[in-house]
Amino acid sequence: MEFNFFGKTFQWIFLLIILAELLSLTVYLLPPLNQAAFFIILGITLILALIKLDYGIYIVLTELFIGGHGHLFAIDINGLTISIRIGLFLMILMAWVVKSQISNLKSQNYTSKIKTKSYKLEAKSLIYFLLFITILIGIINGLLNNNPANVFFDTNAWFYFALLPVFLTTLKEKQKIENILQILTGATTYLSLKTIAVLFLFAQNFAGIGGWFYHWIRASGVGEVTYISGTLFRIFFQSQLYVLIGFFIVLTFLINQLKIKDWKKILPPILYLYLTSLVIFISQSRSYWVGVAAALIFLIILGTWRLKIKLKKIALLITAIAVVLISQFYLIEFITGNYAGNLVAQRFKNLPQEAAGISRLNQLKPLSQAIFQKLIFGWGFGKTLTYESRDPRVLQTHPDGIYTTYAFEWGYLDIWLKLGLFGLVAYLTLISYLFYLGIQKSKVKSQNSNSKFKIINVGLLIGLIALVITNIFSPYLNHPLGIGYIILVTAIFNEHKLEF
């Protein structure tokens, strides 16, 4: 296999992430070091991005792949928390603006080029323009109708779309895409090992709910540790979304290029697939599991249609998945020492009485009522609704369970509520266009180097499907985690020179 997911970039990223996480833990335990660490990281990022914009994109994506809510590092300024994700976002934008201006000034024929260059209105540009218009309307509506503070905090995730021109102007070579995919596999390998380690530490009582390690995980915004029963804990990190995406990208490539005689080459991706699928299991996220099921169906469809994968391989894949799931079920029992319960059965047992399930269902009535009151243009960002929650974290501050918020679990309904049908259709049109581009670029005619990159396109497309389905029950498309993948896929599918 000529395409390498586990090369030097993978190794360097893995080591650098370990150092970054150790530094995050250090500044959490030693708060006086926090501010210095925060600004040093931003300074290094800005310098590297000014040297080569690619480096800035790599740093931004690495943080996205592991950072969850983006608070591995954060500072407080007059009561306003500035996360490392916001800081990196500003640094990369600043570097892009500076480099663009320098490039323009160096161009001797800049003025004449502006006058003579012809511009073509592409479908992508029009769709993004419509989406940005709906976001602007959402901001205006929000400021007119809702609390300004809520509008700000509800809107800031959408500003991540401002990185789109940075990605479009930078990601123009195959090597950069390979680097990004190695960063993805390196970051998700680390995140997977971290998930397993956290499960082991809590299950074996080396760490506990309410301890300093637990509070670091919560404060850093990477995810949640929830006690289930006995020695079983739910380890859910928001960036495990990229574990899901990485799994399908590597799986798509592997099943198309699988040759048993090349076992030394296929061993790393097989180990990666086992590790990442185990973590999807450990996450106990029903949203992820539904996303996996849907993505597997589309993988079979696109695999047989576009990649011409034989049914024999598909049957082998299904058998392998069944064997792997059974082995992982017993492996989790071994890690936790809990042999009494069925993890999957517990997550789907008594859904109507389960706290998270009830809370999610209780959002539907107020959401639907509010949506139909302002169907077309929505209420704007910061719109709050009240519902009854059974979430233990909510009950700690709201014992009666009556909870008012502007953040909702139903991803598409949240978008519809704030941006109206106009905004929802604009976003879905963009996603549909990306599907169209991905399918157009995924037809494999021969087994050459370019065909291997076309296979990657199918993997990216399957990852997009997993994201789109997961967003039904968990909001990602209105969060930097989902938006980041949208702009990354846009840049890759849009670049005509990357006829993978």
Protein backbone atom coordinates (compact mmCIF):
# COMPACT_ATOMS: atom_id res chain seq x y z
CA MET A 1 0.00 0.00 0.00
CA GLU A 2 1.64 3.23 -1.15
CA PHE A 3 -0.52 5.48 0.99
CA ASN A 4 0.82 5.61 4.54
CA PHE A 5 -1.39 6.41 7.51
CA PHE A 6 1.31 5.61 10.06
CA GLY A 7 4.48 7.37 8.92
CA LYS A 8 6.74 9.93 10.56
CA THR A 9 3.99 12.53 10.86
CA PHE A 10 1.89 10.00 12.78
CA GLN A 11 4.78 9.32 15.16
CA TRP A 12 5.63 12.98 15.76
CA ILE A 13 2.03 13.98 16.34
CA PHE A 14 1.52 11.13 18.79
CA LEU A 15 4.55 12.23 20.85
CA LEU A 16 3.65 15.93 20.71
CA ILE A 17 0.10 15.20 21.88
CA ILE A 18 1.47 13.32 24.89
CA LEU A 19 3.63 16.33 25.76
CA ALA A 20 0.68 18.71 25.29
CA GLU A 21 -1.58 16.63 27.54
CA LEU A 22 1.10 16.36 30.22
CA LEU A 23 1.52 20.13 30.05
CA SER A 24 -2.26 20.58 30.33
CA LEU A 25 -2.32 18.40 33.43
CA THR A 26 0.67 20.26 34.88
CA VAL A 27 -0.89 23.71 34.50
CA TYR A 28 -4.15 22.38 35.95
CA LEU A 29 -2.29 21.24 39.07
CA LEU A 30 -0.07 24.35 39.07
CA PRO A 31 -2.37 27.23 37.99
CA PRO A 32 0.36 29.96 38.11
CA LEU A 33 1.92 28.31 35.03
CA ASN A 34 -1.31 28.43 33.04
CA GLN A 35 -1.10 31.89 31.51
CA ALA A 36 2.52 31.48 30.43
CA ALA A 37 1.81 28.09 28.83
CA PHE A 38 -1.24 29.47 27.03
CA PHE A 39 0.57 32.37 25.40
CA ILE A 40 3.69 30.34 24.61
CA ILE A 41 1.54 27.85 22.67
CA LEU A 42 -0.17 30.67 20.79
CA GLY A 43 3.17 32.34 20.06
CA ILE A 44 4.68 29.13 18.70
CA THR A 45 1.58 28.54 16.58
CA LEU A 46 1.68 32.04 15.11
CA ILE A 47 5.39 31.80 14.28
CA LEU A 48 5.01 28.38 12.65
CA ALA A 49 1.95 29.51 10.69
CA LEU A 50 3.83 32.59 9.44
CA ILE A 51 6.70 30.36 8.35
CA LYS A 52 4.37 27.91 6.65
CA LEU A 53 0.60 28.12 6.88
CA ASP A 54 0.36 24.33 6.65
CA TYR A 55 1.87 24.05 10.13
CA GLY A 56 -0.85 26.26 11.57
CA ILE A 57 -3.56 24.13 9.99
CA TYR A 58 -1.91 20.98 11.37
CA ILE A 59 -1.93 22.45 14.89
CA VAL A 60 -5.55 23.60 14.63
CA LEU A 61 -6.68 20.18 13.40
CA THR A 62 -4.68 18.31 16.04
CA GLU A 63 -6.39 20.29 18.78
CA LEU A 64 -9.75 19.62 17.14
CA PHE A 65 -9.08 15.87 16.92
CA ILE A 66 -8.35 15.53 20.66
CA GLY A 67 -9.68 18.65 22.38
CA GLY A 68 -13.42 18.09 22.76
CA HIS A 69 -14.77 21.47 23.81
CA GLY A 70 -11.34 23.03 23.30
CA HIS A 71 -10.25 23.82 26.87
CA LEU A 72 -7.06 21.79 27.22
CA PHE A 73 -5.62 25.23 27.97
CA ALA A 74 -7.65 28.32 28.83
CA ILE A 75 -7.27 31.69 30.48
CA ASP A 76 -9.77 33.90 32.25
CA ILE A 77 -9.93 37.59 31.31
CA ASN A 78 -12.31 39.62 33.48
CA GLY A 79 -14.61 36.63 33.89
CA LEU A 80 -14.51 35.68 30.19
CA THR A 81 -12.88 32.32 29.48
CA ILE A 82 -10.70 32.21 26.37
CA SER A 83 -10.01 28.64 25.30
CA ILE A 84 -6.95 27.44 23.42
CA ARG A 85 -9.25 26.63 20.48
CA ILE A 86 -10.30 30.27 20.19
CA GLY A 87 -6.68 31.35 20.53
CA LEU A 88 -5.46 28.97 17.82
CA PHE A 89 -8.35 30.06 15.59
CA LEU A 90 -7.28 33.71 15.91
CA MET A 91 -3.59 32.89 15.35
CA ILE A 92 -4.20 30.97 12.13
CA LEU A 93 -6.52 33.68 10.79
CA MET A 94 -3.96 36.35 11.65
CA ALA A 95 -1.17 34.42 9.93
CA TRP A 96 -3.31 33.87 6.84
CA VAL A 97 -4.18 37.57 6.56
CA VAL A 98 -0.54 38.63 7.02
CA LYS A 99 0.78 36.11 4.50
CA SER A 100 -1.95 37.02 2.01
CA GLN A 101 -1.08 40.70 2.24
CA ILE A 102 2.65 40.03 1.91
CA SER A 103 2.00 37.83 -1.12
CA ASN A 104 -0.11 40.56 -2.71
CA LEU A 105 2.52 43.22 -2.09
CA LYS A 106 5.23 41.03 -3.62
CA SER A 107 3.23 40.50 -6.78
CA GLN A 108 4.48 43.03 -9.34
CA ASN A 109 1.40 42.69 -11.51
CA TYR A 110 -1.08 42.57 -8.68
CA THR A 111 -3.19 45.51 -9.91
CA SER A 112 -3.38 44.26 -13.46
CA LYS A 113 -4.26 40.77 -12.27
CA ILE A 114 -7.17 42.14 -10.31
CA LYS A 115 -8.45 43.93 -13.40
CA THR A 116 -8.02 41.12 -15.88
CA LYS A 117 -8.71 38.02 -13.79
CA SER A 118 -12.06 36.44 -14.51
CA TYR A 119 -14.03 34.98 -11.66
CA LYS A 120 -16.37 32.06 -11.94
CA LEU A 121 -19.32 31.67 -9.59
CA GLU A 122 -19.19 28.06 -8.45
CA ALA A 123 -21.97 26.10 -6.81
CA LYS A 124 -19.87 25.75 -3.68
CA SER A 125 -19.44 29.52 -3.41
CA LEU A 126 -23.16 30.17 -3.83
CA ILE A 127 -24.14 27.53 -1.27
CA TYR A 128 -21.67 28.83 1.30
CA PHE A 129 -22.86 32.38 0.60
CA LEU A 130 -26.45 31.37 1.34
CA LEU A 131 -25.36 29.58 4.52
CA PHE A 132 -23.41 32.63 5.69
CA ILE A 133 -26.45 34.82 4.99
CA THR A 134 -28.59 32.56 7.19
CA ILE A 135 -25.96 32.73 9.94
CA LEU A 136 -25.99 36.53 9.72
CA ILE A 137 -29.79 36.53 9.91
CA GLY A 138 -29.53 34.23 12.93
CA ILE A 139 -27.20 36.69 14.66
CA ILE A 140 -29.46 39.66 13.91
CA ASN A 141 -32.57 37.75 14.99
CA GLY A 142 -30.80 36.68 18.15
CA LEU A 143 -29.73 40.19 19.08
CA LEU A 144 -33.26 41.46 18.48
CA ASN A 145 -35.07 38.69 20.36
CA ASN A 146 -32.71 37.00 22.80
CA ASN A 147 -30.17 37.65 25.55
CA PRO A 148 -26.97 39.12 23.98
CA ALA A 149 -24.70 36.96 26.14
CA ASN A 150 -26.55 33.82 25.04
CA VAL A 151 -26.31 34.99 21.43
CA PHE A 152 -22.53 35.35 21.71
CA PHE A 153 -21.92 31.95 23.29
CA ASP A 154 -24.39 30.25 20.95
CA THR A 155 -22.88 31.85 17.84
CA ASN A 156 -19.14 31.57 18.46
CA ALA A 157 -18.91 27.96 17.25
CA TRP A 158 -20.23 29.00 13.83
CA PHE A 159 -17.35 31.45 13.41
CA TYR A 160 -15.19 28.37 12.79
CA PHE A 161 -16.43 28.57 9.21
CA ALA A 162 -14.10 31.58 8.87
CA LEU A 163 -11.25 29.07 8.48
CA LEU A 164 -12.71 27.93 5.15
CA PRO A 165 -10.59 30.29 2.97
CA VAL A 166 -7.47 29.28 4.91
CA PHE A 167 -8.10 25.62 4.11
CA LEU A 168 -9.09 26.31 0.49
CA THR A 169 -5.95 28.32 -0.27
CA THR A 170 -3.55 26.02 1.57
CA LEU A 171 -4.57 22.39 0.99
CA LYS A 172 -3.56 22.01 -2.64
CA GLU A 173 -1.09 19.10 -2.64
CA LYS A 174 -1.52 15.39 -1.99
CA GLN A 175 1.31 15.39 0.56
CA LYS A 176 -0.56 17.87 2.74
CA ILE A 177 -3.64 15.64 2.69
CA GLU A 178 -1.55 12.62 3.62
CA ASN A 179 -0.02 14.62 6.48
CA ILE A 180 -3.49 15.55 7.74
CA LEU A 181 -4.66 11.95 7.60
CA GLN A 182 -1.57 10.86 9.53
CA ILE A 183 -2.35 13.58 12.08
CA LEU A 184 -5.89 12.16 12.27
CA THR A 185 -4.69 8.60 12.85
CA GLY A 186 -2.02 9.75 15.32
CA ALA A 187 -4.46 11.89 17.29
CA THR A 188 -7.21 9.27 17.34
CA THR A 189 -4.74 6.54 18.30
CA TYR A 190 -3.73 8.65 21.27
CA LEU A 191 -7.35 9.47 22.14
CA SER A 192 -8.25 5.78 21.93
CA LEU A 193 -5.42 4.76 24.25
CA LYS A 194 -6.38 7.58 26.61
CA THR A 195 -10.00 6.37 26.66
CA ILE A 196 -8.93 2.83 27.52
CA ALA A 197 -6.48 4.07 30.17
CA VAL A 198 -9.13 6.27 31.79
CA LEU A 199 -11.59 3.36 31.87
CA PHE A 200 -8.97 1.15 33.50
CA LEU A 201 -8.00 3.77 36.10
CA PHE A 202 -11.59 4.37 37.18
CA ALA A 203 -12.67 0.73 37.01
CA GLN A 204 -9.71 -0.38 39.10
CA ASN A 205 -10.22 2.48 41.57
CA PHE A 206 -6.92 4.22 40.79
CA ALA A 207 -9.04 7.31 40.07
CA GLY A 208 -12.48 8.25 41.30
CA ILE A 209 -15.44 10.49 40.57
CA GLY A 210 -14.71 13.84 42.21
CA GLY A 211 -10.93 13.34 42.34
CA TRP A 212 -8.32 15.63 40.80
CA PHE A 213 -7.92 13.45 37.69
CA TYR A 214 -11.69 13.45 37.14
CA HIS A 215 -11.86 17.22 37.55
CA TRP A 216 -8.96 17.72 35.09
CA ILE A 217 -10.86 15.73 32.46
CA ARG A 218 -13.95 17.85 33.08
CA ALA A 219 -12.09 21.18 33.26
CA SER A 220 -10.08 20.49 30.10
CA GLY A 221 -13.36 20.01 28.24
CA VAL A 222 -12.29 16.76 26.59
CA GLY A 223 -15.23 14.74 27.84
CA GLU A 224 -17.08 13.02 30.63
CA VAL A 225 -16.62 10.09 32.98
CA THR A 226 -19.93 8.71 34.23
CA TYR A 227 -20.44 5.94 36.77
CA ILE A 228 -22.76 3.18 35.52
CA SER A 229 -22.68 0.32 38.00
CA GLY A 230 -20.19 -1.90 39.77
CA THR A 231 -16.82 -1.20 38.13
CA LEU A 232 -18.34 -0.06 34.85
CA PHE A 233 -17.92 3.55 33.74
CA ARG A 234 -18.88 5.42 30.61
CA ILE A 235 -15.88 7.23 29.10
CA PHE A 236 -17.21 9.71 26.57
CA PHE A 237 -14.95 12.25 24.87
CA GLN A 238 -16.56 14.60 22.33
CA SER A 239 -13.61 14.24 19.95
CA GLN A 240 -14.29 10.51 19.74
CA LEU A 241 -16.29 11.64 16.72
CA TYR A 242 -12.94 11.68 14.91
CA VAL A 243 -12.19 8.19 16.18
CA LEU A 244 -15.35 7.21 14.34
CA ILE A 245 -14.30 9.10 11.21
CA GLY A 246 -10.74 7.79 11.29
CA PHE A 247 -12.05 4.25 11.66
CA PHE A 248 -14.06 4.47 8.44
CA ILE A 249 -11.34 6.20 6.43
CA VAL A 250 -8.79 3.51 7.30
CA LEU A 251 -11.36 0.70 6.96
CA THR A 252 -12.38 1.86 3.48
CA PHE A 253 -8.78 1.94 2.35
CA LEU A 254 -7.91 -1.40 3.94
CA ILE A 255 -10.76 -3.47 2.52
CA ASN A 256 -10.01 -2.18 -0.98
CA GLN A 257 -6.26 -2.77 -0.75
CA LEU A 258 -6.31 -5.86 1.46
CA LYS A 259 -3.75 -8.48 0.52
CA ILE A 260 -3.09 -11.12 3.15
CA LYS A 261 0.45 -11.77 1.88
CA ASP A 262 1.35 -8.16 2.79
CA TRP A 263 0.61 -8.83 6.46
CA LYS A 264 3.40 -6.54 7.68
CA LYS A 265 1.80 -3.63 5.84
CA ILE A 266 -1.76 -4.36 6.90
CA LEU A 267 -0.95 -5.05 10.58
CA PRO A 268 -0.81 -1.35 11.66
CA PRO A 269 -4.20 -0.48 10.10
CA ILE A 270 -5.76 -3.65 11.52
CA LEU A 271 -4.51 -2.77 15.01
CA TYR A 272 -5.76 0.78 14.52
CA LEU A 273 -9.21 -0.45 13.48
CA TYR A 274 -9.42 -2.76 16.48
CA LEU A 275 -8.34 0.00 18.85
CA THR A 276 -10.72 2.64 17.50
CA SER A 277 -13.70 0.30 17.30
CA LEU A 278 -13.05 -0.71 20.91
CA VAL A 279 -13.22 2.95 21.93
CA ILE A 280 -16.50 3.47 20.05
CA PHE A 281 -17.76 0.55 22.13
CA ILE A 282 -16.39 2.01 25.39
CA SER A 283 -17.90 5.44 24.68
CA GLN A 284 -21.36 3.88 25.14
CA SER A 285 -22.67 6.58 22.83
CA ARG A 286 -25.86 5.42 21.18
CA SER A 287 -25.48 8.30 18.71
CA TYR A 288 -22.10 6.94 17.63
CA TRP A 289 -23.48 3.42 17.37
CA VAL A 290 -26.30 4.56 15.10
CA GLY A 291 -23.72 6.51 13.06
CA VAL A 292 -21.57 3.39 12.76
CA ALA A 293 -24.51 1.27 11.58
CA ALA A 294 -25.53 3.82 8.94
CA ALA A 295 -21.95 4.36 7.77
CA LEU A 296 -21.38 0.61 7.41
CA ILE A 297 -24.46 0.33 5.20
CA PHE A 298 -23.22 3.17 3.00
CA LEU A 299 -19.74 1.65 2.95
CA ILE A 300 -21.16 -1.57 1.54
CA ILE A 301 -23.19 0.37 -1.04
CA LEU A 302 -20.37 2.68 -2.14
CA GLY A 303 -17.81 -0.10 -1.86
CA THR A 304 -19.62 -2.35 -4.30
CA TRP A 305 -20.71 0.52 -6.56
CA ARG A 306 -17.71 2.83 -6.73
CA LEU A 307 -14.79 0.74 -5.50
CA LYS A 308 -15.97 -2.51 -7.11
CA ILE A 309 -15.34 -4.46 -3.92
CA LYS A 310 -16.38 -8.07 -4.35
CA LEU A 311 -19.18 -9.52 -2.26
CA LYS A 312 -16.69 -12.04 -0.87
CA LYS A 313 -14.79 -9.21 0.79
CA ILE A 314 -18.03 -7.71 2.09
CA ALA A 315 -18.99 -11.04 3.67
CA LEU A 316 -15.50 -11.29 5.18
CA LEU A 317 -15.88 -7.76 6.56
CA ILE A 318 -19.23 -8.52 8.22
CA THR A 319 -17.84 -11.72 9.74
CA ALA A 320 -14.75 -9.91 11.01
CA ILE A 321 -16.88 -7.18 12.59
CA ALA A 322 -18.97 -9.77 14.43
CA VAL A 323 -15.86 -11.55 15.75
CA VAL A 324 -14.25 -8.26 16.77
CA LEU A 325 -17.35 -7.07 18.65
CA ILE A 326 -17.56 -10.33 20.60
CA SER A 327 -13.87 -10.16 21.52
CA GLN A 328 -14.19 -6.52 22.57
CA PHE A 329 -17.16 -7.30 24.77
CA TYR A 330 -14.99 -9.72 26.74
CA LEU A 331 -11.99 -7.38 26.65
CA ILE A 332 -14.03 -4.61 28.29
CA GLU A 333 -15.14 -7.08 30.94
CA PHE A 334 -11.47 -7.93 31.54
CA ILE A 335 -10.41 -4.26 31.75
CA THR A 336 -13.19 -3.35 34.17
CA GLY A 337 -13.39 -6.64 36.04
CA ASN A 338 -17.16 -6.44 35.54
CA TYR A 339 -18.52 -9.77 34.29
CA ALA A 340 -22.08 -9.29 35.50
CA GLY A 341 -23.75 -7.11 32.87
CA ASN A 342 -24.12 -6.63 29.15
CA LEU A 343 -22.82 -3.17 28.23
CA VAL A 344 -24.83 -2.84 25.03
CA ALA A 345 -28.03 -4.22 26.55
CA GLN A 346 -27.75 -1.77 29.45
CA ARG A 347 -27.48 1.21 27.06
CA PHE A 348 -30.68 0.21 25.24
CA LYS A 349 -32.56 -1.12 28.27
CA ASN A 350 -35.52 0.87 29.56
CA LEU A 351 -34.93 3.81 27.22
CA PRO A 352 -38.25 5.45 28.20
CA GLN A 353 -37.06 5.50 31.86
CA GLU A 354 -33.36 6.21 31.29
CA ALA A 355 -32.28 9.72 32.36
CA ALA A 356 -30.53 10.80 29.16
CA GLY A 357 -33.25 9.29 26.99
CA ILE A 358 -36.03 11.01 28.94
CA SER A 359 -34.22 14.34 28.85
CA ARG A 360 -33.71 14.12 25.10
CA LEU A 361 -37.34 13.15 24.49
CA ASN A 362 -38.55 15.95 26.75
CA GLN A 363 -36.85 18.46 24.45
CA LEU A 364 -38.96 17.46 21.45
CA LYS A 365 -42.24 19.14 22.44
CA PRO A 366 -40.85 22.62 23.26
CA LEU A 367 -38.53 22.44 20.25
CA SER A 368 -41.29 21.54 17.80
CA GLN A 369 -43.67 24.16 19.22
CA ALA A 370 -41.06 26.92 19.00
CA ILE A 371 -39.92 25.89 15.51
CA PHE A 372 -43.43 26.11 14.06
CA GLN A 373 -43.93 29.56 15.55
CA LYS A 374 -41.08 30.92 13.41
CA LEU A 375 -40.74 28.29 10.74
CA ILE A 376 -38.84 30.06 7.95
CA PHE A 377 -36.16 32.27 9.54
CA GLY A 378 -36.12 30.93 13.09
CA TRP A 379 -35.64 32.65 16.42
CA GLY A 380 -31.98 33.49 16.01
CA PHE A 381 -29.02 32.39 18.10
CA GLY A 382 -29.41 32.33 21.87
CA LYS A 383 -33.05 31.21 21.83
CA THR A 384 -33.82 29.48 25.12
CA LEU A 385 -36.45 26.86 25.86
CA THR A 386 -37.52 25.20 29.09
CA TYR A 387 -37.99 21.47 29.54
CA GLU A 388 -37.81 18.84 32.26
CA SER A 389 -34.39 17.21 32.51
CA ARG A 390 -33.39 14.04 34.33
CA ASP A 391 -29.66 14.64 33.76
CA PRO A 392 -27.91 14.15 37.15
CA ARG A 393 -25.66 17.17 36.47
CA VAL A 394 -28.71 19.37 35.86
CA LEU A 395 -30.47 18.02 38.95
CA GLN A 396 -27.54 19.14 41.10
CA THR A 397 -28.33 22.78 40.31
CA HIS A 398 -32.03 22.39 39.43
CA PRO A 399 -33.50 19.83 41.88
CA ASP A 400 -36.95 20.06 40.28
CA GLY A 401 -35.46 19.23 36.86
CA ILE A 402 -36.97 22.31 35.19
CA TYR A 403 -34.14 23.54 32.99
CA THR A 404 -33.84 26.48 30.60
CA THR A 405 -31.09 26.44 27.98
CA TYR A 406 -30.14 27.43 24.43
CA ALA A 407 -28.24 24.16 23.77
CA PHE A 408 -30.18 21.10 22.64
CA GLU A 409 -29.33 17.48 21.87
CA TRP A 410 -31.32 17.25 18.63
CA GLY A 411 -28.76 18.60 16.17
CA TYR A 412 -30.95 19.41 13.19
CA LEU A 413 -33.81 20.73 15.31
CA ASP A 414 -31.37 23.06 17.07
CA ILE A 415 -30.29 24.47 13.69
CA TRP A 416 -33.91 24.77 12.56
CA LEU A 417 -34.89 26.58 15.77
CA LYS A 418 -32.13 29.19 15.43
CA LEU A 419 -31.75 29.56 11.63
CA GLY A 420 -35.19 28.51 10.48
CA LEU A 421 -36.03 26.29 7.55
CA PHE A 422 -33.99 28.63 5.34
CA GLY A 423 -30.83 27.95 7.34
CA LEU A 424 -31.44 24.23 7.70
CA VAL A 425 -32.01 23.81 3.95
CA ALA A 426 -28.88 25.86 3.18
CA TYR A 427 -26.76 23.62 5.46
CA LEU A 428 -28.27 20.40 4.10
CA THR A 429 -27.71 21.68 0.55
CA LEU A 430 -24.02 22.18 1.36
CA ILE A 431 -23.77 18.66 2.76
CA SER A 432 -25.59 17.25 -0.28
CA TYR A 433 -23.18 19.10 -2.57
CA LEU A 434 -20.22 17.60 -0.69
CA PHE A 435 -21.77 14.15 -1.18
CA TYR A 436 -22.05 14.88 -4.88
CA LEU A 437 -18.42 16.01 -5.12
CA GLY A 438 -17.22 13.01 -3.11
CA ILE A 439 -19.08 10.53 -5.30
CA GLN A 440 -17.82 12.24 -8.47
CA LYS A 441 -14.23 11.96 -7.25
CA SER A 442 -14.50 8.40 -5.97
CA LYS A 443 -14.79 6.37 -9.16
CA VAL A 444 -11.81 4.03 -9.34
CA LYS A 445 -10.84 2.82 -12.81
CA SER A 446 -7.40 1.37 -12.18
CA GLN A 447 -5.14 0.25 -9.37
CA ASN A 448 -2.60 3.07 -9.60
CA SER A 449 -1.44 5.71 -7.14
CA ASN A 450 -4.26 8.09 -8.00
CA SER A 451 -6.82 5.33 -7.43
CA LYS A 452 -5.55 4.94 -3.88
CA PHE A 453 -6.33 8.59 -3.24
CA LYS A 454 -9.77 8.14 -4.77
CA ILE A 455 -10.34 5.40 -2.21
CA ILE A 456 -9.48 7.95 0.46
CA ASN A 457 -12.23 10.15 -0.97
CA VAL A 458 -14.72 7.33 -0.36
CA GLY A 459 -13.42 7.03 3.19
CA LEU A 460 -13.88 10.77 3.74
CA LEU A 461 -17.39 10.45 2.33
CA ILE A 462 -18.24 7.58 4.70
CA GLY A 463 -16.87 9.70 7.56
CA LEU A 464 -19.20 12.49 6.48
CA ILE A 465 -22.14 10.08 6.53
CA ALA A 466 -21.22 9.01 10.07
CA LEU A 467 -21.13 12.68 11.11
CA VAL A 468 -24.46 13.52 9.45
CA ILE A 469 -26.26 10.58 11.09
CA THR A 470 -24.67 11.13 14.50
CA ASN A 471 -25.82 14.76 14.39
CA ILE A 472 -29.46 13.66 14.52
CA PHE A 473 -29.12 12.83 18.22
CA SER A 474 -25.97 14.73 19.22
CA PRO A 475 -25.18 18.28 18.03
CA TYR A 476 -21.97 18.30 16.01
CA LEU A 477 -22.74 20.26 12.83
CA ASN A 478 -23.24 23.42 14.90
CA HIS A 479 -19.96 22.82 16.78
CA PRO A 480 -16.31 23.28 15.71
CA LEU A 481 -15.88 19.48 15.77
CA GLY A 482 -18.41 19.02 12.99
CA ILE A 483 -17.78 22.32 11.21
CA GLY A 484 -14.07 21.55 11.13
CA TYR A 485 -14.71 18.33 9.25
CA ILE A 486 -17.10 20.08 6.85
CA ILE A 487 -14.51 22.69 5.84
CA LEU A 488 -11.75 20.05 5.64
CA VAL A 489 -13.81 17.88 3.30
CA THR A 490 -14.83 20.96 1.31
CA ALA A 491 -11.18 21.86 0.74
CA ILE A 492 -10.18 18.32 -0.26
CA PHE A 493 -13.14 17.65 -2.55
CA ASN A 494 -12.98 21.12 -4.08
CA GLU A 495 -9.34 21.07 -5.19
CA HIS A 496 -9.28 19.92 -8.82
CA LYS A 497 -5.54 19.25 -8.71
CA LEU A 498 -6.23 16.60 -6.11
CA GLU A 499 -7.72 14.10 -8.53
CA PHE A 500 -6.87 11.39 -6.08
